[in-house]
Amino acid sequence: EEETSLKKRKVDHQGNKDSETGQEGAEKVKKRRGRPPAEKLPP
């Protein structure tokens, strides 16, 4: 039972990690596609 629970926790952790990586990749793609922020010049 302990070994099964440990494997399940590893699978869940890996799934969460992959999900976070996918979200970060999607955010990076969105940032690249969007307009770059305007450069603030000194007066």
PDB file of all heavy atoms in Angstrom:
ATOM      1  N   GLU A   1       0.827  -1.204   0.000  1.00  0.00           N
ATOM      2  CA  GLU A   1       0.000   0.000   0.000  1.00  0.00           C
ATOM      3  C   GLU A   1       0.862   1.255   0.000  1.00  0.00           C
ATOM      4  O   GLU A   1       0.580   2.232  -0.710  1.00  0.00           O
ATOM      5  CB  GLU A   1      -0.924  -0.007   1.219  1.00  0.00           C
ATOM      6  CG  GLU A   1      -2.020  -1.057   1.145  1.00  0.00           C
ATOM      7  CD  GLU A   1      -2.887  -1.050   2.381  1.00  0.00           C
ATOM      8  OE1 GLU A   1      -2.575  -0.254   3.309  1.00  0.00           O
ATOM      9  OE2 GLU A   1      -3.852  -1.820   2.452  1.00  0.00           O
ATOM     10  N   GLU A   2       1.924   1.257   0.809  1.00  0.00           N
ATOM     11  CA  GLU A   2       2.818   2.424   0.863  1.00  0.00           C
ATOM     12  C   GLU A   2       3.505   2.654  -0.481  1.00  0.00           C
ATOM     13  O   GLU A   2       3.636   3.784  -0.965  1.00  0.00           O
ATOM     14  CB  GLU A   2       3.861   2.215   1.962  1.00  0.00           C
ATOM     15  CG  GLU A   2       4.764   3.435   2.148  1.00  0.00           C
ATOM     16  CD  GLU A   2       5.737   3.232   3.291  1.00  0.00           C
ATOM     17  OE1 GLU A   2       5.654   2.166   3.948  1.00  0.00           O
ATOM     18  OE2 GLU A   2       6.552   4.131   3.507  1.00  0.00           O
ATOM     19  N   GLU A   3       3.941   1.542  -1.120  1.00  0.00           N
ATOM     20  CA  GLU A   3       4.597   1.668  -2.427  1.00  0.00           C
ATOM     21  C   GLU A   3       3.618   2.192  -3.472  1.00  0.00           C
ATOM     22  O   GLU A   3       3.955   3.048  -4.294  1.00  0.00           O
ATOM     23  CB  GLU A   3       5.149   0.309  -2.846  1.00  0.00           C
ATOM     24  CG  GLU A   3       5.945   0.349  -4.143  1.00  0.00           C
ATOM     25  CD  GLU A   3       6.536  -1.005  -4.481  1.00  0.00           C
ATOM     26  OE1 GLU A   3       6.348  -1.944  -3.677  1.00  0.00           O
ATOM     27  OE2 GLU A   3       7.170  -1.127  -5.544  1.00  0.00           O
ATOM     28  N   THR A   4       2.391   1.702  -3.425  1.00  0.00           N
ATOM     29  CA  THR A   4       1.370   2.169  -4.377  1.00  0.00           C
ATOM     30  C   THR A   4       1.078   3.647  -4.170  1.00  0.00           C
ATOM     31  O   THR A   4       0.951   4.429  -5.125  1.00  0.00           O
ATOM     32  CB  THR A   4       0.082   1.354  -4.205  1.00  0.00           C
ATOM     33  OG1 THR A   4       0.374  -0.038  -4.377  1.00  0.00           O
ATOM     34  CG2 THR A   4      -0.969   1.786  -5.212  1.00  0.00           C
ATOM     35  N   SER A   5       0.973   4.046  -2.878  1.00  0.00           N
ATOM     36  CA  SER A   5       0.718   5.464  -2.581  1.00  0.00           C
ATOM     37  C   SER A   5       1.873   6.345  -3.055  1.00  0.00           C
ATOM     38  O   SER A   5       1.668   7.436  -3.587  1.00  0.00           O
ATOM     39  CB  SER A   5       0.507   5.628  -1.075  1.00  0.00           C
ATOM     40  OG  SER A   5       0.332   6.987  -0.751  1.00  0.00           O
ATOM     41  N   LEU A   6       3.118   5.875  -2.873  1.00  0.00           N
ATOM     42  CA  LEU A   6       4.279   6.639  -3.310  1.00  0.00           C
ATOM     43  C   LEU A   6       4.283   6.812  -4.824  1.00  0.00           C
ATOM     44  O   LEU A   6       4.550   7.899  -5.359  1.00  0.00           O
ATOM     45  CB  LEU A   6       5.547   5.933  -2.844  1.00  0.00           C
ATOM     46  CG  LEU A   6       6.878   6.623  -3.211  1.00  0.00           C
ATOM     47  CD1 LEU A   6       6.934   8.018  -2.590  1.00  0.00           C
ATOM     48  CD2 LEU A   6       8.062   5.776  -2.737  1.00  0.00           C
ATOM     49  N   LYS A   7       3.979   5.722  -5.548  1.00  0.00           N
ATOM     50  CA  LYS A   7       3.926   5.819  -7.014  1.00  0.00           C
ATOM     51  C   LYS A   7       2.849   6.793  -7.450  1.00  0.00           C
ATOM     52  O   LYS A   7       3.027   7.570  -8.396  1.00  0.00           O
ATOM     53  CB  LYS A   7       3.653   4.437  -7.595  1.00  0.00           C
ATOM     54  CG  LYS A   7       4.829   3.473  -7.498  1.00  0.00           C
ATOM     55  CD  LYS A   7       4.490   2.145  -8.135  1.00  0.00           C
ATOM     56  CE  LYS A   7       5.671   1.167  -8.066  1.00  0.00           C
ATOM     57  NZ  LYS A   7       5.348  -0.132  -8.691  1.00  0.00           N
ATOM     58  N   LYS A   8       1.713   6.763  -6.751  1.00  0.00           N
ATOM     59  CA  LYS A   8       0.626   7.664  -7.118  1.00  0.00           C
ATOM     60  C   LYS A   8       1.029   9.117  -6.894  1.00  0.00           C
ATOM     61  O   LYS A   8       0.727   9.996  -7.713  1.00  0.00           O
ATOM     62  CB  LYS A   8      -0.597   7.313  -6.273  1.00  0.00           C
ATOM     63  CG  LYS A   8      -1.833   8.101  -6.672  1.00  0.00           C
ATOM     64  CD  LYS A   8      -3.039   7.641  -5.868  1.00  0.00           C
ATOM     65  CE  LYS A   8      -4.272   8.446  -6.280  1.00  0.00           C
ATOM     66  NZ  LYS A   8      -5.471   8.054  -5.491  1.00  0.00           N
ATOM     67  N   ARG A   9       1.735   9.368  -5.773  1.00  0.00           N
ATOM     68  CA  ARG A   9       2.185  10.742  -5.509  1.00  0.00           C
ATOM     69  C   ARG A   9       3.166  11.211  -6.569  1.00  0.00           C
ATOM     70  O   ARG A   9       3.143  12.361  -7.007  1.00  0.00           O
ATOM     71  CB  ARG A   9       2.813  10.823  -4.113  1.00  0.00           C
ATOM     72  CG  ARG A   9       1.791  10.756  -2.987  1.00  0.00           C
ATOM     73  CD  ARG A   9       2.388  11.288  -1.690  1.00  0.00           C
ATOM     74  NE  ARG A   9       3.543  10.497  -1.263  1.00  0.00           N
ATOM     75  CZ  ARG A   9       3.478   9.455  -0.455  1.00  0.00           C
ATOM     76  NH1 ARG A   9       2.294   9.050   0.009  1.00  0.00           N
ATOM     77  NH2 ARG A   9       4.569   8.811  -0.119  1.00  0.00           N
ATOM     78  N   LYS A  10       4.069  10.308  -7.004  1.00  0.00           N
ATOM     79  CA  LYS A  10       5.021  10.668  -8.052  1.00  0.00           C
ATOM     80  C   LYS A  10       4.312  10.995  -9.355  1.00  0.00           C
ATOM     81  O   LYS A  10       4.650  11.958 -10.050  1.00  0.00           O
ATOM     82  CB  LYS A  10       6.013   9.525  -8.269  1.00  0.00           C
ATOM     83  CG  LYS A  10       7.024   9.363  -7.155  1.00  0.00           C
ATOM     84  CD  LYS A  10       8.010   8.254  -7.476  1.00  0.00           C
ATOM     85  CE  LYS A  10       9.058   8.106  -6.379  1.00  0.00           C
ATOM     86  NZ  LYS A  10      10.020   7.027  -6.695  1.00  0.00           N
ATOM     87  N   VAL A  11       3.323  10.187  -9.678  1.00  0.00           N
ATOM     88  CA  VAL A  11       2.574  10.432 -10.921  1.00  0.00           C
ATOM     89  C   VAL A  11       1.846  11.765 -10.855  1.00  0.00           C
ATOM     90  O   VAL A  11       1.837  12.548 -11.802  1.00  0.00           O
ATOM     91  CB  VAL A  11       1.591   9.279 -11.184  1.00  0.00           C
ATOM     92  CG1 VAL A  11       0.647   9.635 -12.339  1.00  0.00           C
ATOM     93  CG2 VAL A  11       2.345   7.997 -11.499  1.00  0.00           C
ATOM     94  N   ASP A  12       1.218  12.031  -9.690  1.00  0.00           N
ATOM     95  CA  ASP A  12       0.498  13.298  -9.534  1.00  0.00           C
ATOM     96  C   ASP A  12       1.451  14.487  -9.616  1.00  0.00           C
ATOM     97  O   ASP A  12       1.158  15.510 -10.250  1.00  0.00           O
ATOM     98  CB  ASP A  12      -0.240  13.322  -8.185  1.00  0.00           C
ATOM     99  CG  ASP A  12      -1.371  12.295  -8.149  1.00  0.00           C
ATOM    100  OD1 ASP A  12      -1.808  11.874  -9.239  1.00  0.00           O
ATOM    101  OD2 ASP A  12      -1.798  11.927  -7.024  1.00  0.00           O
ATOM    102  N   HIS A  13       2.636  14.362  -8.978  1.00  0.00           N
ATOM    103  CA  HIS A  13       3.626  15.448  -9.011  1.00  0.00           C
ATOM    104  C   HIS A  13       4.126  15.699 -10.429  1.00  0.00           C
ATOM    105  O   HIS A  13       4.254  16.835 -10.868  1.00  0.00           O
ATOM    106  CB  HIS A  13       4.792  15.093  -8.085  1.00  0.00           C
ATOM    107  CG  HIS A  13       5.878  16.129  -8.086  1.00  0.00           C
ATOM    108  ND1 HIS A  13       5.714  17.370  -7.518  1.00  0.00           N
ATOM    109  CD2 HIS A  13       7.139  16.096  -8.613  1.00  0.00           C
ATOM    110  CE1 HIS A  13       6.815  18.072  -7.686  1.00  0.00           C
ATOM    111  NE2 HIS A  13       7.700  17.320  -8.336  1.00  0.00           N
ATOM    112  N   GLN A  14       4.387  14.598 -11.151  1.00  0.00           N
ATOM    113  CA  GLN A  14       4.853  14.742 -12.532  1.00  0.00           C
ATOM    114  C   GLN A  14       3.770  15.387 -13.398  1.00  0.00           C
ATOM    115  O   GLN A  14       4.049  16.216 -14.268  1.00  0.00           O
ATOM    116  CB  GLN A  14       5.245  13.371 -13.091  1.00  0.00           C
ATOM    117  CG  GLN A  14       5.854  13.421 -14.491  1.00  0.00           C
ATOM    118  CD  GLN A  14       7.198  14.130 -14.491  1.00  0.00           C
ATOM    119  OE1 GLN A  14       7.891  14.140 -13.474  1.00  0.00           O
ATOM    120  NE2 GLN A  14       7.559  14.750 -15.610  1.00  0.00           N
ATOM    121  N   GLY A  15       2.508  14.985 -13.148  1.00  0.00           N
ATOM    122  CA  GLY A  15       1.413  15.577 -13.908  1.00  0.00           C
ATOM    123  C   GLY A  15       1.275  17.069 -13.643  1.00  0.00           C
ATOM    124  O   GLY A  15       1.081  17.864 -14.566  1.00  0.00           O
ATOM    125  N   ASN A  16       1.411  17.464 -12.359  1.00  0.00           N
ATOM    126  CA  ASN A  16       1.342  18.888 -12.026  1.00  0.00           C
ATOM    127  C   ASN A  16       2.495  19.665 -12.647  1.00  0.00           C
ATOM    128  O   ASN A  16       2.332  20.793 -13.127  1.00  0.00           O
ATOM    129  CB  ASN A  16       1.360  19.065 -10.507  1.00  0.00           C
ATOM    130  CG  ASN A  16       0.113  18.515  -9.847  1.00  0.00           C
ATOM    131  OD1 ASN A  16      -0.944  18.458 -10.480  1.00  0.00           O
ATOM    132  ND2 ASN A  16       0.222  18.098  -8.591  1.00  0.00           N
ATOM    133  N   LYS A  17       3.684  19.039 -12.641  1.00  0.00           N
ATOM    134  CA  LYS A  17       4.850  19.688 -13.221  1.00  0.00           C
ATOM    135  C   LYS A  17       4.671  19.896 -14.721  1.00  0.00           C
ATOM    136  O   LYS A  17       4.975  20.952 -15.269  1.00  0.00           O
ATOM    137  CB  LYS A  17       6.104  18.852 -12.949  1.00  0.00           C
ATOM    138  CG  LYS A  17       7.404  19.537 -13.341  1.00  0.00           C
ATOM    139  CD  LYS A  17       8.592  18.690 -12.926  1.00  0.00           C
ATOM    140  CE  LYS A  17       9.891  19.381 -13.307  1.00  0.00           C
ATOM    141  NZ  LYS A  17      11.052  18.567 -12.921  1.00  0.00           N
ATOM    142  N   ASP A  18       4.162  18.851 -15.396  1.00  0.00           N
ATOM    143  CA  ASP A  18       3.910  18.978 -16.846  1.00  0.00           C
ATOM    144  C   ASP A  18       2.861  20.030 -17.132  1.00  0.00           C
ATOM    145  O   ASP A  18       2.956  20.792 -18.097  1.00  0.00           O
ATOM    146  CB  ASP A  18       3.476  17.624 -17.413  1.00  0.00           C
ATOM    147  CG  ASP A  18       4.584  16.587 -17.343  1.00  0.00           C
ATOM    148  OD1 ASP A  18       5.760  17.003 -17.220  1.00  0.00           O
ATOM    149  OD2 ASP A  18       4.279  15.376 -17.390  1.00  0.00           O
ATOM    150  N   SER A  19       1.861  20.106 -16.259  1.00  0.00           N
ATOM    151  CA  SER A  19       0.815  21.108 -16.448  1.00  0.00           C
ATOM    152  C   SER A  19       1.365  22.507 -16.294  1.00  0.00           C
ATOM    153  O   SER A  19       1.071  23.419 -17.077  1.00  0.00           O
ATOM    154  CB  SER A  19      -0.316  20.868 -15.446  1.00  0.00           C
ATOM    155  OG  SER A  19      -1.308  21.862 -15.579  1.00  0.00           O
ATOM    156  N   GLU A  20       2.216  22.713 -15.251  1.00  0.00           N
ATOM    157  CA  GLU A  20       2.824  24.032 -15.055  1.00  0.00           C
ATOM    158  C   GLU A  20       3.730  24.387 -16.223  1.00  0.00           C
ATOM    159  O   GLU A  20       3.750  25.518 -16.697  1.00  0.00           O
ATOM    160  CB  GLU A  20       3.613  24.035 -13.748  1.00  0.00           C
ATOM    161  CG  GLU A  20       2.736  23.929 -12.514  1.00  0.00           C
ATOM    162  CD  GLU A  20       3.565  23.855 -11.251  1.00  0.00           C
ATOM    163  OE1 GLU A  20       4.820  23.837 -11.381  1.00  0.00           O
ATOM    164  OE2 GLU A  20       2.983  23.818 -10.150  1.00  0.00           O
ATOM    165  N   THR A  21       4.496  23.408 -16.705  1.00  0.00           N
ATOM    166  CA  THR A  21       5.367  23.666 -17.852  1.00  0.00           C
ATOM    167  C   THR A  21       4.552  24.050 -19.082  1.00  0.00           C
ATOM    168  O   THR A  21       4.914  24.959 -19.837  1.00  0.00           O
ATOM    169  CB  THR A  21       6.220  22.433 -18.159  1.00  0.00           C
ATOM    170  OG1 THR A  21       6.940  22.054 -16.983  1.00  0.00           O
ATOM    171  CG2 THR A  21       7.203  22.716 -19.277  1.00  0.00           C
ATOM    172  N   GLY A  22       3.442  23.360 -19.272  1.00  0.00           N
ATOM    173  CA  GLY A  22       2.576  23.689 -20.405  1.00  0.00           C
ATOM    174  C   GLY A  22       2.002  25.086 -20.281  1.00  0.00           C
ATOM    175  O   GLY A  22       1.926  25.838 -21.262  1.00  0.00           O
ATOM    176  N   GLN A  23       1.607  25.479 -19.064  1.00  0.00           N
ATOM    177  CA  GLN A  23       1.077  26.823 -18.853  1.00  0.00           C
ATOM    178  C   GLN A  23       2.145  27.879 -19.102  1.00  0.00           C
ATOM    179  O   GLN A  23       1.884  28.917 -19.714  1.00  0.00           O
ATOM    180  CB  GLN A  23       0.520  26.940 -17.438  1.00  0.00           C
ATOM    181  CG  GLN A  23      -0.747  26.121 -17.212  1.00  0.00           C
ATOM    182  CD  GLN A  23      -1.224  26.241 -15.784  1.00  0.00           C
ATOM    183  OE1 GLN A  23      -0.594  26.884 -14.949  1.00  0.00           O
ATOM    184  NE2 GLN A  23      -2.358  25.596 -15.498  1.00  0.00           N
ATOM    185  N   GLU A  24       3.365  27.626 -18.596  1.00  0.00           N
ATOM    186  CA  GLU A  24       4.452  28.576 -18.834  1.00  0.00           C
ATOM    187  C   GLU A  24       4.747  28.714 -20.316  1.00  0.00           C
ATOM    188  O   GLU A  24       4.979  29.801 -20.833  1.00  0.00           O
ATOM    189  CB  GLU A  24       5.709  28.128 -18.085  1.00  0.00           C
ATOM    190  CG  GLU A  24       5.587  28.235 -16.575  1.00  0.00           C
ATOM    191  CD  GLU A  24       6.832  27.731 -15.877  1.00  0.00           C
ATOM    192  OE1 GLU A  24       7.750  27.263 -16.608  1.00  0.00           O
ATOM    193  OE2 GLU A  24       6.894  27.799 -14.645  1.00  0.00           O
ATOM    194  N   GLY A  25       4.745  27.591 -21.042  1.00  0.00           N
ATOM    195  CA  GLY A  25       4.986  27.656 -22.479  1.00  0.00           C
ATOM    196  C   GLY A  25       3.904  28.438 -23.186  1.00  0.00           C
ATOM    197  O   GLY A  25       4.176  29.226 -24.095  1.00  0.00           O
ATOM    198  N   ALA A  26       2.655  28.230 -22.756  1.00  0.00           N
ATOM    199  CA  ALA A  26       1.546  28.975 -23.374  1.00  0.00           C
ATOM    200  C   ALA A  26       1.667  30.462 -23.098  1.00  0.00           C
ATOM    201  O   ALA A  26       1.428  31.292 -23.969  1.00  0.00           O
ATOM    202  CB  ALA A  26       0.216  28.438 -22.845  1.00  0.00           C
ATOM    203  N   GLU A  27       2.070  30.813 -21.849  1.00  0.00           N
ATOM    204  CA  GLU A  27       2.255  32.226 -21.527  1.00  0.00           C
ATOM    205  C   GLU A  27       3.374  32.832 -22.351  1.00  0.00           C
ATOM    206  O   GLU A  27       3.280  33.965 -22.812  1.00  0.00           O
ATOM    207  CB  GLU A  27       2.551  32.366 -20.036  1.00  0.00           C
ATOM    208  CG  GLU A  27       1.338  32.046 -19.154  1.00  0.00           C
ATOM    209  CD  GLU A  27       1.679  32.150 -17.694  1.00  0.00           C
ATOM    210  OE1 GLU A  27       2.865  32.417 -17.376  1.00  0.00           O
ATOM    211  OE2 GLU A  27       0.775  31.975 -16.852  1.00  0.00           O
ATOM    212  N   LYS A  28       4.477  32.088 -22.545  1.00  0.00           N
ATOM    213  CA  LYS A  28       5.578  32.601 -23.357  1.00  0.00           C
ATOM    214  C   LYS A  28       5.132  32.832 -24.794  1.00  0.00           C
ATOM    215  O   LYS A  28       5.480  33.819 -25.425  1.00  0.00           O
ATOM    216  CB  LYS A  28       6.759  31.630 -23.315  1.00  0.00           C
ATOM    217  CG  LYS A  28       7.488  31.606 -21.986  1.00  0.00           C
ATOM    218  CD  LYS A  28       8.650  30.652 -22.042  1.00  0.00           C
ATOM    219  CE  LYS A  28       9.413  30.631 -20.721  1.00  0.00           C
ATOM    220  NZ  LYS A  28      10.549  29.680 -20.766  1.00  0.00           N
ATOM    221  N   VAL A  29       4.339  31.894 -25.318  1.00  0.00           N
ATOM    222  CA  VAL A  29       3.840  32.060 -26.687  1.00  0.00           C
ATOM    223  C   VAL A  29       2.952  33.284 -26.783  1.00  0.00           C
ATOM    224  O   VAL A  29       3.032  34.068 -27.730  1.00  0.00           O
ATOM    225  CB  VAL A  29       3.077  30.792 -27.125  1.00  0.00           C
ATOM    226  CG1 VAL A  29       2.369  31.040 -28.449  1.00  0.00           C
ATOM    227  CG2 VAL A  29       4.041  29.622 -27.252  1.00  0.00           C
ATOM    228  N   LYS A  30       2.087  33.474 -25.768  1.00  0.00           N
ATOM    229  CA  LYS A  30       1.228  34.642 -25.773  1.00  0.00           C
ATOM    230  C   LYS A  30       2.047  35.929 -25.710  1.00  0.00           C
ATOM    231  O   LYS A  30       1.756  36.909 -26.376  1.00  0.00           O
ATOM    232  CB  LYS A  30       0.270  34.580 -24.587  1.00  0.00           C
ATOM    233  CG  LYS A  30      -0.801  33.512 -24.745  1.00  0.00           C
ATOM    234  CD  LYS A  30      -1.742  33.526 -23.552  1.00  0.00           C
ATOM    235  CE  LYS A  30      -2.816  32.471 -23.695  1.00  0.00           C
ATOM    236  NZ  LYS A  30      -3.729  32.445 -22.522  1.00  0.00           N
ATOM    237  N   LYS A  31       3.090  35.938 -24.876  1.00  0.00           N
ATOM    238  CA  LYS A  31       3.933  37.128 -24.767  1.00  0.00           C
ATOM    239  C   LYS A  31       4.643  37.423 -26.085  1.00  0.00           C
ATOM    240  O   LYS A  31       4.793  38.558 -26.487  1.00  0.00           O
ATOM    241  CB  LYS A  31       4.950  36.946 -23.640  1.00  0.00           C
ATOM    242  CG  LYS A  31       4.326  36.977 -22.254  1.00  0.00           C
ATOM    243  CD  LYS A  31       5.381  36.819 -21.180  1.00  0.00           C
ATOM    244  CE  LYS A  31       4.773  36.865 -19.789  1.00  0.00           C
ATOM    245  NZ  LYS A  31       5.807  36.693 -18.742  1.00  0.00           N
ATOM    246  N   ARG A  32       5.103  36.385 -26.763  1.00  0.00           N
ATOM    247  CA  ARG A  32       5.794  36.592 -28.025  1.00  0.00           C
ATOM    248  C   ARG A  32       4.852  37.116 -29.103  1.00  0.00           C
ATOM    249  O   ARG A  32       5.209  37.942 -29.910  1.00  0.00           O
ATOM    250  CB  ARG A  32       6.430  35.281 -28.483  1.00  0.00           C
ATOM    251  CG  ARG A  32       7.610  34.837 -27.631  1.00  0.00           C
ATOM    252  CD  ARG A  32       8.114  33.489 -28.077  1.00  0.00           C
ATOM    253  NE  ARG A  32       9.189  32.994 -27.225  1.00  0.00           N
ATOM    254  CZ  ARG A  32       9.729  31.790 -27.320  1.00  0.00           C
ATOM    255  NH1 ARG A  32       9.255  30.945 -28.233  1.00  0.00           N
ATOM    256  NH2 ARG A  32      10.703  31.414 -26.518  1.00  0.00           N
ATOM    257  N   ARG A  33       3.616  36.629 -29.081  1.00  0.00           N
ATOM    258  CA  ARG A  33       2.670  37.041 -30.095  1.00  0.00           C
ATOM    259  C   ARG A  33       2.164  38.459 -29.853  1.00  0.00           C
ATOM    260  O   ARG A  33       1.773  39.148 -30.775  1.00  0.00           O
ATOM    261  CB  ARG A  33       1.490  36.069 -30.110  1.00  0.00           C
ATOM    262  CG  ARG A  33       1.837  34.684 -30.657  1.00  0.00           C
ATOM    263  CD  ARG A  33       0.638  33.770 -30.621  1.00  0.00           C
ATOM    264  NE  ARG A  33       0.953  32.437 -31.129  1.00  0.00           N
ATOM    265  CZ  ARG A  33       0.107  31.424 -31.143  1.00  0.00           C
ATOM    266  NH1 ARG A  33      -1.116  31.588 -30.641  1.00  0.00           N
ATOM    267  NH2 ARG A  33       0.468  30.252 -31.625  1.00  0.00           N
ATOM    268  N   GLY A  34       2.103  38.882 -28.585  1.00  0.00           N
ATOM    269  CA  GLY A  34       1.571  40.206 -28.267  1.00  0.00           C
ATOM    270  C   GLY A  34       2.536  41.319 -28.661  1.00  0.00           C
ATOM    271  O   GLY A  34       3.695  41.103 -29.009  1.00  0.00           O
ATOM    272  N   ARG A  35       2.039  42.551 -28.607  1.00  0.00           N
ATOM    273  CA  ARG A  35       2.855  43.724 -28.911  1.00  0.00           C
ATOM    274  C   ARG A  35       3.848  43.973 -27.785  1.00  0.00           C
ATOM    275  O   ARG A  35       3.475  43.917 -26.608  1.00  0.00           O
ATOM    276  CB  ARG A  35       1.950  44.938 -29.096  1.00  0.00           C
ATOM    277  CG  ARG A  35       2.699  46.209 -29.472  1.00  0.00           C
ATOM    278  CD  ARG A  35       1.736  47.351 -29.685  1.00  0.00           C
ATOM    279  NE  ARG A  35       0.857  47.094 -30.826  1.00  0.00           N
ATOM    280  CZ  ARG A  35      -0.096  47.932 -31.209  1.00  0.00           C
ATOM    281  NH1 ARG A  35      -0.319  49.046 -30.525  1.00  0.00           N
ATOM    282  NH2 ARG A  35      -0.849  47.625 -32.262  1.00  0.00           N
ATOM    283  N   PRO A  36       5.102  44.229 -28.069  1.00  0.00           N
ATOM    284  CA  PRO A  36       6.079  44.478 -27.003  1.00  0.00           C
ATOM    285  C   PRO A  36       5.736  45.754 -26.239  1.00  0.00           C
ATOM    286  O   PRO A  36       5.148  46.680 -26.801  1.00  0.00           O
ATOM    287  CB  PRO A  36       7.406  44.628 -27.772  1.00  0.00           C
ATOM    288  CG  PRO A  36       6.998  45.012 -29.156  1.00  0.00           C
ATOM    289  CD  PRO A  36       5.695  44.325 -29.410  1.00  0.00           C
ATOM    290  N   PRO A  37       6.076  45.813 -24.955  1.00  0.00           N
ATOM    291  CA  PRO A  37       5.745  47.003 -24.171  1.00  0.00           C
ATOM    292  C   PRO A  37       6.493  48.226 -24.692  1.00  0.00           C
ATOM    293  O   PRO A  37       7.624  48.140 -25.149  1.00  0.00           O
ATOM    294  CB  PRO A  37       6.220  46.632 -22.752  1.00  0.00           C
ATOM    295  CG  PRO A  37       7.238  45.554 -22.960  1.00  0.00           C
ATOM    296  CD  PRO A  37       6.788  44.792 -24.171  1.00  0.00           C
ATOM    297  N   ALA A  38       5.814  49.355 -24.625  1.00  0.00           N
ATOM    298  CA  ALA A  38       6.406  50.605 -25.117  1.00  0.00           C
ATOM    299  C   ALA A  38       7.558  51.027 -24.221  1.00  0.00           C
ATOM    300  O   ALA A  38       7.490  50.927 -22.990  1.00  0.00           O
ATOM    301  CB  ALA A  38       5.347  51.699 -25.162  1.00  0.00           C
ATOM    302  N   GLU A  39       8.610  51.475 -24.848  1.00  0.00           N
ATOM    303  CA  GLU A  39       9.789  51.914 -24.112  1.00  0.00           C
ATOM    304  C   GLU A  39       9.537  53.297 -23.520  1.00  0.00           C
ATOM    305  O   GLU A  39       9.122  54.224 -24.221  1.00  0.00           O
ATOM    306  CB  GLU A  39      10.996  51.967 -25.049  1.00  0.00           C
ATOM    307  CG  GLU A  39      12.290  52.367 -24.354  1.00  0.00           C
ATOM    308  CD  GLU A  39      13.446  52.434 -25.322  1.00  0.00           C
ATOM    309  OE1 GLU A  39      13.221  52.164 -26.518  1.00  0.00           O
ATOM    310  OE2 GLU A  39      14.567  52.748 -24.893  1.00  0.00           O
ATOM    311  N   LYS A  40       9.753  53.420 -22.235  1.00  0.00           N
ATOM    312  CA  LYS A  40       9.542  54.691 -21.562  1.00  0.00           C
ATOM    313  C   LYS A  40      10.815  55.521 -21.629  1.00  0.00           C
ATOM    314  O   LYS A  40      11.855  55.150 -21.082  1.00  0.00           O
ATOM    315  CB  LYS A  40       9.142  54.448 -20.106  1.00  0.00           C
ATOM    316  CG  LYS A  40       8.666  55.707 -19.405  1.00  0.00           C
ATOM    317  CD  LYS A  40       8.151  55.391 -18.024  1.00  0.00           C
ATOM    318  CE  LYS A  40       7.633  56.645 -17.341  1.00  0.00           C
ATOM    319  NZ  LYS A  40       7.140  56.349 -15.967  1.00  0.00           N
ATOM    320  N   LEU A  41      10.730  56.648 -22.320  1.00  0.00           N
ATOM    321  CA  LEU A  41      11.894  57.491 -22.529  1.00  0.00           C
ATOM    322  C   LEU A  41      11.964  58.574 -21.463  1.00  0.00           C
ATOM    323  O   LEU A  41      10.931  59.017 -20.950  1.00  0.00           O
ATOM    324  CB  LEU A  41      11.829  58.140 -23.913  1.00  0.00           C
ATOM    325  CG  LEU A  41      11.826  57.174 -25.101  1.00  0.00           C
ATOM    326  CD1 LEU A  41      11.594  57.932 -26.400  1.00  0.00           C
ATOM    327  CD2 LEU A  41      13.128  56.402 -25.177  1.00  0.00           C
ATOM    328  N   PRO A  42      13.170  59.013 -21.122  1.00  0.00           N
ATOM    329  CA  PRO A  42      13.277  60.128 -20.178  1.00  0.00           C
ATOM    330  C   PRO A  42      12.728  61.402 -20.792  1.00  0.00           C
ATOM    331  O   PRO A  42      12.781  61.584 -22.010  1.00  0.00           O
ATOM    332  CB  PRO A  42      14.799  60.231 -19.937  1.00  0.00           C
ATOM    333  CG  PRO A  42      15.420  59.614 -21.149  1.00  0.00           C
ATOM    334  CD  PRO A  42      14.481  58.530 -21.585  1.00  0.00           C
ATOM    335  N   PRO A  43      12.153  62.286 -19.997  1.00  0.00           N
ATOM    336  CA  PRO A  43      11.556  63.507 -20.549  1.00  0.00           C
ATOM    337  C   PRO A  43      12.593  64.425 -21.176  1.00  0.00           C
ATOM    338  O   PRO A  43      13.747  64.488 -20.741  1.00  0.00           O
ATOM    339  CB  PRO A  43      10.900  64.160 -19.323  1.00  0.00           C
ATOM    340  CG  PRO A  43      11.636  63.606 -18.146  1.00  0.00           C
ATOM    341  CD  PRO A  43      12.041  62.217 -18.530  1.00  0.00           C
TER     342      PRO A  43
END
